[in-house]
Amino acid sequence: MNNIEIKVIADAMQEKKGMDVVSLDLRNIGTAISDYFIVCNADSTTNVNAIADNIEERMIEKCGRKVLRSQGRENSFWIILDYGDIVVHVFQTQYREFYRLEALWADAERCEF
């Protein structure tokens, strides 16, 4: 089921012009807090919000899953959507470049969309 959900999230990101969509398979990393991270970025806070909203809508519509918790909507620099086994990161471009989340999980299997 995870592969379908990852695809739904990636498609939802791209529908709203999310850039550099990447999923990281963290299952073989013992210290990971979830099975997958999926990451994208956008140039404006408005776009970051639109991407996060679209992901939530598509996950309910296509997978029947509601987000467990989310953070970052107050400023929309970096919105995190936590689905338990999948954690979604929607960054404003400059913050993705600064935090370099993918570099922290360099051992993870990576898939680009």
PDB file of N, CA and C in Angstrom:
ATOM      1  N   MET A   1       0.815  -1.200   0.000  1.00  0.00           N
ATOM      2  CA  MET A   1       0.000   0.000   0.000  1.00  0.00           C
ATOM      3  C   MET A   1       0.858   1.265   0.000  1.00  0.00           C
ATOM      4  N   ASN A   2       2.022   1.233   0.660  1.00  0.00           N
ATOM      5  CA  ASN A   2       2.861   2.431   0.732  1.00  0.00           C
ATOM      6  C   ASN A   2       3.233   2.995  -0.627  1.00  0.00           C
ATOM      7  N   ASN A   3       3.552   2.124  -1.591  1.00  0.00           N
ATOM      8  CA  ASN A   3       3.947   2.618  -2.914  1.00  0.00           C
ATOM      9  C   ASN A   3       2.825   3.404  -3.578  1.00  0.00           C
ATOM     10  N   ILE A   4       1.592   2.950  -3.383  1.00  0.00           N
ATOM     11  CA  ILE A   4       0.441   3.664  -3.937  1.00  0.00           C
ATOM     12  C   ILE A   4       0.306   5.024  -3.252  1.00  0.00           C
ATOM     13  N   GLU A   5       0.442   5.030  -1.939  1.00  0.00           N
ATOM     14  CA  GLU A   5       0.320   6.276  -1.186  1.00  0.00           C
ATOM     15  C   GLU A   5       1.440   7.257  -1.540  1.00  0.00           C
ATOM     16  N   ILE A   6       2.649   6.754  -1.698  1.00  0.00           N
ATOM     17  CA  ILE A   6       3.774   7.617  -2.105  1.00  0.00           C
ATOM     18  C   ILE A   6       3.467   8.247  -3.460  1.00  0.00           C
ATOM     19  N   LYS A   7       2.938   7.463  -4.385  1.00  0.00           N
ATOM     20  CA  LYS A   7       2.591   7.967  -5.724  1.00  0.00           C
ATOM     21  C   LYS A   7       1.475   9.015  -5.636  1.00  0.00           C
ATOM     22  N   VAL A   8       0.465   8.771  -4.804  1.00  0.00           N
ATOM     23  CA  VAL A   8      -0.624   9.741  -4.626  1.00  0.00           C
ATOM     24  C   VAL A   8      -0.066  11.062  -4.102  1.00  0.00           C
ATOM     25  N   ILE A   9       0.835  10.986  -3.118  1.00  0.00           N
ATOM     26  CA  ILE A   9       1.435  12.197  -2.546  1.00  0.00           C
ATOM     27  C   ILE A   9       2.291  12.913  -3.586  1.00  0.00           C
ATOM     28  N   ALA A  10       3.124  12.164  -4.307  1.00  0.00           N
ATOM     29  CA  ALA A  10       3.980  12.770  -5.337  1.00  0.00           C
ATOM     30  C   ALA A  10       3.138  13.448  -6.415  1.00  0.00           C
ATOM     31  N   ASP A  11       2.092  12.779  -6.848  1.00  0.00           N
ATOM     32  CA  ASP A  11       1.205  13.375  -7.863  1.00  0.00           C
ATOM     33  C   ASP A  11       0.542  14.643  -7.335  1.00  0.00           C
ATOM     34  N   ALA A  12       0.097  14.615  -6.077  1.00  0.00           N
ATOM     35  CA  ALA A  12      -0.545  15.787  -5.473  1.00  0.00           C
ATOM     36  C   ALA A  12       0.434  16.953  -5.391  1.00  0.00           C
ATOM     37  N   MET A  13       1.692  16.651  -5.092  1.00  0.00           N
ATOM     38  CA  MET A  13       2.722  17.694  -5.069  1.00  0.00           C
ATOM     39  C   MET A  13       2.895  18.314  -6.447  1.00  0.00           C
ATOM     40  N   GLN A  14       3.008  17.446  -7.453  1.00  0.00           N
ATOM     41  CA  GLN A  14       3.253  17.927  -8.815  1.00  0.00           C
ATOM     42  C   GLN A  14       2.042  18.654  -9.399  1.00  0.00           C
ATOM     43  N   GLU A  15       0.834  18.254  -9.006  1.00  0.00           N
ATOM     44  CA  GLU A  15      -0.376  18.945  -9.478  1.00  0.00           C
ATOM     45  C   GLU A  15      -0.357  20.418  -9.099  1.00  0.00           C
ATOM     46  N   LYS A  16       0.257  20.720  -7.963  1.00  0.00           N
ATOM     47  CA  LYS A  16       0.319  22.102  -7.475  1.00  0.00           C
ATOM     48  C   LYS A  16       1.707  22.711  -7.660  1.00  0.00           C
ATOM     49  N   LYS A  17       2.437  22.181  -8.619  1.00  0.00           N
ATOM     50  CA  LYS A  17       3.744  22.726  -9.015  1.00  0.00           C
ATOM     51  C   LYS A  17       4.845  22.555  -7.968  1.00  0.00           C
ATOM     52  N   GLY A  18       4.746  21.472  -7.171  1.00  0.00           N
ATOM     53  CA  GLY A  18       5.841  21.131  -6.270  1.00  0.00           C
ATOM     54  C   GLY A  18       7.066  20.745  -7.101  1.00  0.00           C
ATOM     55  N   MET A  19       8.220  21.197  -6.681  1.00  0.00           N
ATOM     56  CA  MET A  19       9.458  20.965  -7.440  1.00  0.00           C
ATOM     57  C   MET A  19      10.355  19.951  -6.729  1.00  0.00           C
ATOM     58  N   ASP A  20      11.187  19.283  -7.523  1.00  0.00           N
ATOM     59  CA  ASP A  20      12.191  18.340  -7.003  1.00  0.00           C
ATOM     60  C   ASP A  20      11.580  17.349  -6.013  1.00  0.00           C
ATOM     61  N   VAL A  21      10.547  16.637  -6.457  1.00  0.00           N
ATOM     62  CA  VAL A  21       9.854  15.675  -5.602  1.00  0.00           C
ATOM     63  C   VAL A  21      10.721  14.423  -5.455  1.00  0.00           C
ATOM     64  N   VAL A  22      11.000  14.068  -4.194  1.00  0.00           N
ATOM     65  CA  VAL A  22      11.870  12.935  -3.883  1.00  0.00           C
ATOM     66  C   VAL A  22      11.272  12.153  -2.717  1.00  0.00           C
ATOM     67  N   SER A  23      11.274  10.832  -2.839  1.00  0.00           N
ATOM     68  CA  SER A  23      10.910  10.008  -1.678  1.00  0.00           C
ATOM     69  C   SER A  23      12.159   9.288  -1.191  1.00  0.00           C
ATOM     70  N   LEU A  24      12.226   9.116   0.112  1.00  0.00           N
ATOM     71  CA  LEU A  24      13.330   8.416   0.751  1.00  0.00           C
ATOM     72  C   LEU A  24      12.751   7.219   1.511  1.00  0.00           C
ATOM     73  N   ASP A  25      13.234   6.023   1.180  1.00  0.00           N
ATOM     74  CA  ASP A  25      12.809   4.802   1.847  1.00  0.00           C
ATOM     75  C   ASP A  25      13.708   4.609   3.066  1.00  0.00           C
ATOM     76  N   LEU A  26      13.147   4.790   4.236  1.00  0.00           N
ATOM     77  CA  LEU A  26      13.925   4.763   5.480  1.00  0.00           C
ATOM     78  C   LEU A  26      13.823   3.436   6.222  1.00  0.00           C
ATOM     79  N   ARG A  27      13.165   2.459   5.632  1.00  0.00           N
ATOM     80  CA  ARG A  27      12.899   1.205   6.350  1.00  0.00           C
ATOM     81  C   ARG A  27      14.164   0.472   6.776  1.00  0.00           C
ATOM     82  N   ASN A  28      15.250   0.596   6.022  1.00  0.00           N
ATOM     83  CA  ASN A  28      16.486  -0.118   6.364  1.00  0.00           C
ATOM     84  C   ASN A  28      17.414   0.693   7.268  1.00  0.00           C
ATOM     85  N   ILE A  29      16.940   1.862   7.700  1.00  0.00           N
ATOM     86  CA  ILE A  29      17.733   2.699   8.598  1.00  0.00           C
ATOM     87  C   ILE A  29      17.133   2.563   9.985  1.00  0.00           C
ATOM     88  N   GLY A  30      17.881   2.012  10.905  1.00  0.00           N
ATOM     89  CA  GLY A  30      17.355   1.674  12.222  1.00  0.00           C
ATOM     90  C   GLY A  30      16.869   2.844  13.056  1.00  0.00           C
ATOM     91  N   THR A  31      17.363   4.035  12.796  1.00  0.00           N
ATOM     92  CA  THR A  31      17.009   5.189  13.639  1.00  0.00           C
ATOM     93  C   THR A  31      15.873   6.026  13.072  1.00  0.00           C
ATOM     94  N   ALA A  32      15.309   5.623  11.960  1.00  0.00           N
ATOM     95  CA  ALA A  32      14.281   6.421  11.299  1.00  0.00           C
ATOM     96  C   ALA A  32      12.974   6.410  12.091  1.00  0.00           C
ATOM     97  N   ILE A  33      12.271   7.552  12.051  1.00  0.00           N
ATOM     98  CA  ILE A  33      11.013   7.675  12.792  1.00  0.00           C
ATOM     99  C   ILE A  33       9.802   7.263  11.966  1.00  0.00           C
ATOM    100  N   SER A  34      10.006   7.008  10.685  1.00  0.00           N
ATOM    101  CA  SER A  34       8.922   6.547   9.816  1.00  0.00           C
ATOM    102  C   SER A  34       9.521   5.665   8.730  1.00  0.00           C
ATOM    103  N   ASP A  35       8.660   5.084   7.908  1.00  0.00           N
ATOM    104  CA  ASP A  35       9.140   4.244   6.813  1.00  0.00           C
ATOM    105  C   ASP A  35       9.605   5.067   5.615  1.00  0.00           C
ATOM    106  N   TYR A  36       8.921   6.175   5.365  1.00  0.00           N
ATOM    107  CA  TYR A  36       9.229   7.002   4.202  1.00  0.00           C
ATOM    108  C   TYR A  36       9.167   8.485   4.554  1.00  0.00           C
ATOM    109  N   PHE A  37      10.049   9.248   3.935  1.00  0.00           N
ATOM    110  CA  PHE A  37       9.922  10.703   3.836  1.00  0.00           C
ATOM    111  C   PHE A  37       9.635  10.987   2.377  1.00  0.00           C
ATOM    112  N   ILE A  38       8.791  11.956   2.100  1.00  0.00           N
ATOM    113  CA  ILE A  38       8.641  12.456   0.749  1.00  0.00           C
ATOM    114  C   ILE A  38       8.728  13.973   0.839  1.00  0.00           C
ATOM    115  N   VAL A  39       9.549  14.553  -0.030  1.00  0.00           N
ATOM    116  CA  VAL A  39       9.959  15.949   0.083  1.00  0.00           C
ATOM    117  C   VAL A  39       9.742  16.663  -1.239  1.00  0.00           C
ATOM    118  N   CYS A  40       9.321  17.925  -1.153  1.00  0.00           N
ATOM    119  CA  CYS A  40       9.311  18.802  -2.325  1.00  0.00           C
ATOM    120  C   CYS A  40       9.492  20.225  -1.851  1.00  0.00           C
ATOM    121  N   ASN A  41       9.583  21.141  -2.804  1.00  0.00           N
ATOM    122  CA  ASN A  41       9.685  22.556  -2.466  1.00  0.00           C
ATOM    123  C   ASN A  41       8.904  23.396  -3.458  1.00  0.00           C
ATOM    124  N   ALA A  42       8.647  24.637  -3.043  1.00  0.00           N
ATOM    125  CA  ALA A  42       7.958  25.622  -3.869  1.00  0.00           C
ATOM    126  C   ALA A  42       8.518  26.993  -3.500  1.00  0.00           C
ATOM    127  N   ASP A  43       8.342  27.951  -4.393  1.00  0.00           N
ATOM    128  CA  ASP A  43       8.981  29.252  -4.195  1.00  0.00           C
ATOM    129  C   ASP A  43       8.214  30.219  -3.297  1.00  0.00           C
ATOM    130  N   SER A  44       6.931  29.980  -3.041  1.00  0.00           N
ATOM    131  CA  SER A  44       6.163  30.923  -2.219  1.00  0.00           C
ATOM    132  C   SER A  44       5.419  30.198  -1.106  1.00  0.00           C
ATOM    133  N   THR A  45       5.098  30.933  -0.060  1.00  0.00           N
ATOM    134  CA  THR A  45       4.329  30.349   1.037  1.00  0.00           C
ATOM    135  C   THR A  45       2.927  29.960   0.570  1.00  0.00           C
ATOM    136  N   THR A  46       2.375  30.739  -0.356  1.00  0.00           N
ATOM    137  CA  THR A  46       1.053  30.417  -0.911  1.00  0.00           C
ATOM    138  C   THR A  46       1.086  29.058  -1.593  1.00  0.00           C
ATOM    139  N   ASN A  47       2.142  28.813  -2.368  1.00  0.00           N
ATOM    140  CA  ASN A  47       2.281  27.548  -3.080  1.00  0.00           C
ATOM    141  C   ASN A  47       2.542  26.394  -2.109  1.00  0.00           C
ATOM    142  N   VAL A  48       3.357  26.631  -1.076  1.00  0.00           N
ATOM    143  CA  VAL A  48       3.612  25.598  -0.061  1.00  0.00           C
ATOM    144  C   VAL A  48       2.292  25.163   0.573  1.00  0.00           C
ATOM    145  N   ASN A  49       1.456  26.136   0.927  1.00  0.00           N
ATOM    146  CA  ASN A  49       0.144  25.841   1.513  1.00  0.00           C
ATOM    147  C   ASN A  49      -0.745  25.064   0.554  1.00  0.00           C
ATOM    148  N   ALA A  50      -0.772  25.487  -0.709  1.00  0.00           N
ATOM    149  CA  ALA A  50      -1.611  24.823  -1.714  1.00  0.00           C
ATOM    150  C   ALA A  50      -1.190  23.371  -1.896  1.00  0.00           C
ATOM    151  N   ILE A  51       0.112  23.107  -1.898  1.00  0.00           N
ATOM    152  CA  ILE A  51       0.619  21.736  -2.038  1.00  0.00           C
ATOM    153  C   ILE A  51       0.176  20.892  -0.847  1.00  0.00           C
ATOM    154  N   ALA A  52       0.372  21.411   0.364  1.00  0.00           N
ATOM    155  CA  ALA A  52      -0.008  20.664   1.568  1.00  0.00           C
ATOM    156  C   ALA A  52      -1.511  20.373   1.573  1.00  0.00           C
ATOM    157  N   ASP A  53      -2.319  21.371   1.223  1.00  0.00           N
ATOM    158  CA  ASP A  53      -3.773  21.168   1.165  1.00  0.00           C
ATOM    159  C   ASP A  53      -4.140  20.091   0.151  1.00  0.00           C
ATOM    160  N   ASN A  54      -3.496  20.125  -1.018  1.00  0.00           N
ATOM    161  CA  ASN A  54      -3.795  19.156  -2.068  1.00  0.00           C
ATOM    162  C   ASN A  54      -3.409  17.737  -1.648  1.00  0.00           C
ATOM    163  N   ILE A  55      -2.287  17.604  -0.957  1.00  0.00           N
ATOM    164  CA  ILE A  55      -1.870  16.288  -0.466  1.00  0.00           C
ATOM    165  C   ILE A  55      -2.933  15.732   0.490  1.00  0.00           C
ATOM    166  N   GLU A  56      -3.369  16.563   1.431  1.00  0.00           N
ATOM    167  CA  GLU A  56      -4.380  16.106   2.386  1.00  0.00           C
ATOM    168  C   GLU A  56      -5.660  15.683   1.676  1.00  0.00           C
ATOM    169  N   GLU A  57      -6.107  16.472   0.709  1.00  0.00           N
ATOM    170  CA  GLU A  57      -7.328  16.149  -0.044  1.00  0.00           C
ATOM    171  C   GLU A  57      -7.179  14.851  -0.824  1.00  0.00           C
ATOM    172  N   ARG A  58      -6.079  14.686  -1.544  1.00  0.00           N
ATOM    173  CA  ARG A  58      -5.870  13.486  -2.367  1.00  0.00           C
ATOM    174  C   ARG A  58      -5.728  12.230  -1.510  1.00  0.00           C
ATOM    175  N   MET A  59      -5.059  12.337  -0.358  1.00  0.00           N
ATOM    176  CA  MET A  59      -4.889  11.164   0.508  1.00  0.00           C
ATOM    177  C   MET A  59      -6.231  10.702   1.070  1.00  0.00           C
ATOM    178  N   ILE A  60      -7.108  11.646   1.400  1.00  0.00           N
ATOM    179  CA  ILE A  60      -8.450  11.262   1.866  1.00  0.00           C
ATOM    180  C   ILE A  60      -9.237  10.656   0.710  1.00  0.00           C
ATOM    181  N   GLU A  61      -9.210  11.329  -0.426  1.00  0.00           N
ATOM    182  CA  GLU A  61      -9.995  10.921  -1.603  1.00  0.00           C
ATOM    183  C   GLU A  61      -9.549   9.568  -2.162  1.00  0.00           C
ATOM    184  N   LYS A  62      -8.242   9.361  -2.295  1.00  0.00           N
ATOM    185  CA  LYS A  62      -7.746   8.172  -2.998  1.00  0.00           C
ATOM    186  C   LYS A  62      -7.296   7.044  -2.074  1.00  0.00           C
ATOM    187  N   CYS A  63      -6.938   7.364  -0.829  1.00  0.00           N
ATOM    188  CA  CYS A  63      -6.410   6.335   0.071  1.00  0.00           C
ATOM    189  C   CYS A  63      -7.214   6.202   1.362  1.00  0.00           C
ATOM    190  N   GLY A  64      -8.154   7.116   1.574  1.00  0.00           N
ATOM    191  CA  GLY A  64      -8.945   7.070   2.794  1.00  0.00           C
ATOM    192  C   GLY A  64      -8.150   7.368   4.046  1.00  0.00           C
ATOM    193  N   ARG A  65      -7.077   8.126   3.917  1.00  0.00           N
ATOM    194  CA  ARG A  65      -6.205   8.407   5.068  1.00  0.00           C
ATOM    195  C   ARG A  65      -6.197   9.896   5.386  1.00  0.00           C
ATOM    196  N   LYS A  66      -6.396  10.185   6.665  1.00  0.00           N
ATOM    197  CA  LYS A  66      -6.289  11.557   7.146  1.00  0.00           C
ATOM    198  C   LYS A  66      -4.925  11.742   7.795  1.00  0.00           C
ATOM    199  N   VAL A  67      -4.403  12.946   7.701  1.00  0.00           N
ATOM    200  CA  VAL A  67      -3.128  13.261   8.336  1.00  0.00           C
ATOM    201  C   VAL A  67      -3.293  13.127   9.854  1.00  0.00           C
ATOM    202  N   LEU A  68      -2.299  12.518  10.518  1.00  0.00           N
ATOM    203  CA  LEU A  68      -2.346  12.342  11.968  1.00  0.00           C
ATOM    204  C   LEU A  68      -2.067  13.654  12.687  1.00  0.00           C
ATOM    205  N   ARG A  69      -1.062  14.367  12.211  1.00  0.00           N
ATOM    206  CA  ARG A  69      -0.733  15.701  12.734  1.00  0.00           C
ATOM    207  C   ARG A  69       0.063  16.455  11.682  1.00  0.00           C
ATOM    208  N   SER A  70       0.008  17.772  11.800  1.00  0.00           N
ATOM    209  CA  SER A  70       0.777  18.601  10.876  1.00  0.00           C
ATOM    210  C   SER A  70       1.367  19.773  11.641  1.00  0.00           C
ATOM    211  N   GLN A  71       2.438  20.307  11.096  1.00  0.00           N
ATOM    212  CA  GLN A  71       3.096  21.468  11.687  1.00  0.00           C
ATOM    213  C   GLN A  71       3.563  22.388  10.575  1.00  0.00           C
ATOM    214  N   GLY A  72       3.660  23.671  10.890  1.00  0.00           N
ATOM    215  CA  GLY A  72       4.271  24.626   9.981  1.00  0.00           C
ATOM    216  C   GLY A  72       3.315  25.518   9.228  1.00  0.00           C
ATOM    217  N   ARG A  73       2.033  25.322   9.381  1.00  0.00           N
ATOM    218  CA  ARG A  73       1.078  26.143   8.620  1.00  0.00           C
ATOM    219  C   ARG A  73       1.057  27.601   9.073  1.00  0.00           C
ATOM    220  N   GLU A  74       1.537  27.864  10.284  1.00  0.00           N
ATOM    221  CA  GLU A  74       1.511  29.245  10.776  1.00  0.00           C
ATOM    222  C   GLU A  74       2.411  30.189   9.964  1.00  0.00           C
ATOM    223  N   ASN A  75       3.479  29.661   9.366  1.00  0.00           N
ATOM    224  CA  ASN A  75       4.327  30.508   8.522  1.00  0.00           C
ATOM    225  C   ASN A  75       4.559  29.946   7.121  1.00  0.00           C
ATOM    226  N   SER A  76       4.270  28.672   6.919  1.00  0.00           N
ATOM    227  CA  SER A  76       4.366  28.000   5.615  1.00  0.00           C
ATOM    228  C   SER A  76       5.763  28.046   4.993  1.00  0.00           C
ATOM    229  N   PHE A  77       6.791  28.067   5.841  1.00  0.00           N
ATOM    230  CA  PHE A  77       8.162  27.932   5.344  1.00  0.00           C
ATOM    231  C   PHE A  77       8.490  26.449   5.134  1.00  0.00           C
ATOM    232  N   TRP A  78       7.924  25.612   6.026  1.00  0.00           N
ATOM    233  CA  TRP A  78       8.181  24.165   6.002  1.00  0.00           C
ATOM    234  C   TRP A  78       6.980  23.504   6.666  1.00  0.00           C
ATOM    235  N   ILE A  79       6.142  22.875   5.873  1.00  0.00           N
ATOM    236  CA  ILE A  79       4.972  22.183   6.411  1.00  0.00           C
ATOM    237  C   ILE A  79       5.261  20.689   6.448  1.00  0.00           C
ATOM    238  N   ILE A  80       4.991  20.095   7.597  1.00  0.00           N
ATOM    239  CA  ILE A  80       5.173  18.658   7.791  1.00  0.00           C
ATOM    240  C   ILE A  80       3.803  18.021   7.967  1.00  0.00           C
ATOM    241  N   LEU A  81       3.536  16.990   7.184  1.00  0.00           N
ATOM    242  CA  LEU A  81       2.305  16.209   7.308  1.00  0.00           C
ATOM    243  C   LEU A  81       2.712  14.802   7.744  1.00  0.00           C
ATOM    244  N   ASP A  82       2.235  14.381   8.901  1.00  0.00           N
ATOM    245  CA  ASP A  82       2.632  13.096   9.463  1.00  0.00           C
ATOM    246  C   ASP A  82       1.497  12.087   9.286  1.00  0.00           C
ATOM    247  N   TYR A  83       1.769  11.060   8.482  1.00  0.00           N
ATOM    248  CA  TYR A  83       0.820   9.966   8.285  1.00  0.00           C
ATOM    249  C   TYR A  83       1.252   8.712   9.042  1.00  0.00           C
ATOM    250  N   GLY A  84       2.188   8.846   9.956  1.00  0.00           N
ATOM    251  CA  GLY A  84       2.688   7.703  10.731  1.00  0.00           C
ATOM    252  C   GLY A  84       3.828   7.025  10.005  1.00  0.00           C
ATOM    253  N   ASP A  85       3.512   6.197   9.024  1.00  0.00           N
ATOM    254  CA  ASP A  85       4.541   5.490   8.269  1.00  0.00           C
ATOM    255  C   ASP A  85       5.151   6.354   7.159  1.00  0.00           C
ATOM    256  N   ILE A  86       4.492   7.450   6.820  1.00  0.00           N
ATOM    257  CA  ILE A  86       4.981   8.388   5.800  1.00  0.00           C
ATOM    258  C   ILE A  86       4.956   9.785   6.399  1.00  0.00           C
ATOM    259  N   VAL A  87       6.080  10.491   6.304  1.00  0.00           N
ATOM    260  CA  VAL A  87       6.137  11.886   6.732  1.00  0.00           C
ATOM    261  C   VAL A  87       6.447  12.733   5.503  1.00  0.00           C
ATOM    262  N   VAL A  88       5.582  13.717   5.268  1.00  0.00           N
ATOM    263  CA  VAL A  88       5.674  14.579   4.093  1.00  0.00           C
ATOM    264  C   VAL A  88       6.278  15.917   4.514  1.00  0.00           C
ATOM    265  N   HIS A  89       7.248  16.394   3.725  1.00  0.00           N
ATOM    266  CA  HIS A  89       7.894  17.680   3.981  1.00  0.00           C
ATOM    267  C   HIS A  89       7.698  18.567   2.751  1.00  0.00           C
ATOM    268  N   VAL A  90       7.015  19.693   2.944  1.00  0.00           N
ATOM    269  CA  VAL A  90       6.818  20.657   1.866  1.00  0.00           C
ATOM    270  C   VAL A  90       7.533  21.939   2.293  1.00  0.00           C
ATOM    271  N   PHE A  91       8.635  22.217   1.618  1.00  0.00           N
ATOM    272  CA  PHE A  91       9.495  23.344   1.967  1.00  0.00           C
ATOM    273  C   PHE A  91       9.288  24.522   1.032  1.00  0.00           C
ATOM    274  N   GLN A  92       9.503  25.723   1.555  1.00  0.00           N
ATOM    275  CA  GLN A  92       9.774  26.850   0.687  1.00  0.00           C
ATOM    276  C   GLN A  92      11.219  26.630   0.220  1.00  0.00           C
ATOM    277  N   THR A  93      11.512  26.914  -1.039  1.00  0.00           N
ATOM    278  CA  THR A  93      12.779  26.527  -1.668  1.00  0.00           C
ATOM    279  C   THR A  93      14.004  26.893  -0.841  1.00  0.00           C
ATOM    280  N   GLN A  94      14.087  28.100  -0.358  1.00  0.00           N
ATOM    281  CA  GLN A  94      15.289  28.525   0.378  1.00  0.00           C
ATOM    282  C   GLN A  94      15.491  27.728   1.657  1.00  0.00           C
ATOM    283  N   TYR A  95      14.409  27.261   2.287  1.00  0.00           N
ATOM    284  CA  TYR A  95      14.540  26.476   3.516  1.00  0.00           C
ATOM    285  C   TYR A  95      14.948  25.040   3.220  1.00  0.00           C
ATOM    286  N   ARG A  96      14.496  24.516   2.103  1.00  0.00           N
ATOM    287  CA  ARG A  96      14.950  23.173   1.721  1.00  0.00           C
ATOM    288  C   ARG A  96      16.446  23.187   1.456  1.00  0.00           C
ATOM    289  N   GLU A  97      16.911  24.217   0.774  1.00  0.00           N
ATOM    290  CA  GLU A  97      18.344  24.329   0.492  1.00  0.00           C
ATOM    291  C   GLU A  97      19.144  24.504   1.784  1.00  0.00           C
ATOM    292  N   PHE A  98      18.597  25.227   2.745  1.00  0.00           N
ATOM    293  CA  PHE A  98      19.295  25.468   4.009  1.00  0.00           C
ATOM    294  C   PHE A  98      19.359  24.203   4.864  1.00  0.00           C
ATOM    295  N   TYR A  99      18.222  23.526   5.055  1.00  0.00           N
ATOM    296  CA  TYR A  99      18.174  22.372   5.954  1.00  0.00           C
ATOM    297  C   TYR A  99      18.725  21.094   5.339  1.00  0.00           C
ATOM    298  N   ARG A 100      18.680  20.981   4.014  1.00  0.00           N
ATOM    299  CA  ARG A 100      19.258  19.828   3.305  1.00  0.00           C
ATOM    300  C   ARG A 100      18.859  18.491   3.954  1.00  0.00           C
ATOM    301  N   LEU A 101      17.576  18.313   4.139  1.00  0.00           N
ATOM    302  CA  LEU A 101      17.031  17.133   4.798  1.00  0.00           C
ATOM    303  C   LEU A 101      17.512  15.828   4.166  1.00  0.00           C
ATOM    304  N   GLU A 102      17.548  15.789   2.842  1.00  0.00           N
ATOM    305  CA  GLU A 102      17.960  14.556   2.166  1.00  0.00           C
ATOM    306  C   GLU A 102      19.402  14.172   2.503  1.00  0.00           C
ATOM    307  N   ALA A 103      20.260  15.155   2.755  1.00  0.00           N
ATOM    308  CA  ALA A 103      21.655  14.865   3.096  1.00  0.00           C
ATOM    309  C   ALA A 103      21.752  14.178   4.458  1.00  0.00           C
ATOM    310  N   LEU A 104      20.813  14.482   5.357  1.00  0.00           N
ATOM    311  CA  LEU A 104      20.812  13.837   6.679  1.00  0.00           C
ATOM    312  C   LEU A 104      20.473  12.361   6.577  1.00  0.00           C
ATOM    313  N   TRP A 105      19.743  11.990   5.529  1.00  0.00           N
ATOM    314  CA  TRP A 105      19.308  10.612   5.318  1.00  0.00           C
ATOM    315  C   TRP A 105      19.934  10.068   4.025  1.00  0.00           C
ATOM    316  N   ALA A 106      21.216  10.347   3.842  1.00  0.00           N
ATOM    317  CA  ALA A 106      21.910   9.990   2.600  1.00  0.00           C
ATOM    318  C   ALA A 106      21.954   8.483   2.351  1.00  0.00           C
ATOM    319  N   ASP A 107      21.833   7.679   3.400  1.00  0.00           N
ATOM    320  CA  ASP A 107      21.868   6.211   3.251  1.00  0.00           C
ATOM    321  C   ASP A 107      20.545   5.643   2.745  1.00  0.00           C
ATOM    322  N   ALA A 108      19.508   6.452   2.732  1.00  0.00           N
ATOM    323  CA  ALA A 108      18.196   5.968   2.338  1.00  0.00           C
ATOM    324  C   ALA A 108      18.118   5.750   0.821  1.00  0.00           C
ATOM    325  N   GLU A 109      17.323   4.760   0.440  1.00  0.00           N
ATOM    326  CA  GLU A 109      17.038   4.553  -0.980  1.00  0.00           C
ATOM    327  C   GLU A 109      16.176   5.721  -1.468  1.00  0.00           C
ATOM    328  N   ARG A 110      16.570   6.304  -2.584  1.00  0.00           N
ATOM    329  CA  ARG A 110      15.978   7.542  -3.070  1.00  0.00           C
ATOM    330  C   ARG A 110      15.233   7.314  -4.381  1.00  0.00           C
ATOM    331  N   CYS A 111      14.074   7.925  -4.512  1.00  0.00           N
ATOM    332  CA  CYS A 111      13.307   7.854  -5.754  1.00  0.00           C
ATOM    333  C   CYS A 111      12.891   9.255  -6.128  1.00  0.00           C
ATOM    334  N   GLU A 112      13.235   9.675  -7.354  1.00  0.00           N
ATOM    335  CA  GLU A 112      12.869  11.000  -7.836  1.00  0.00           C
ATOM    336  C   GLU A 112      11.685  10.904  -8.776  1.00  0.00           C
ATOM    337  N   PHE A 113      10.781  11.858  -8.662  1.00  0.00           N
ATOM    338  CA  PHE A 113       9.564  11.858  -9.490  1.00  0.00           C
ATOM    339  C   PHE A 113       9.617  12.956 -10.530  1.00  0.00           C
TER     340      PHE A 113
END
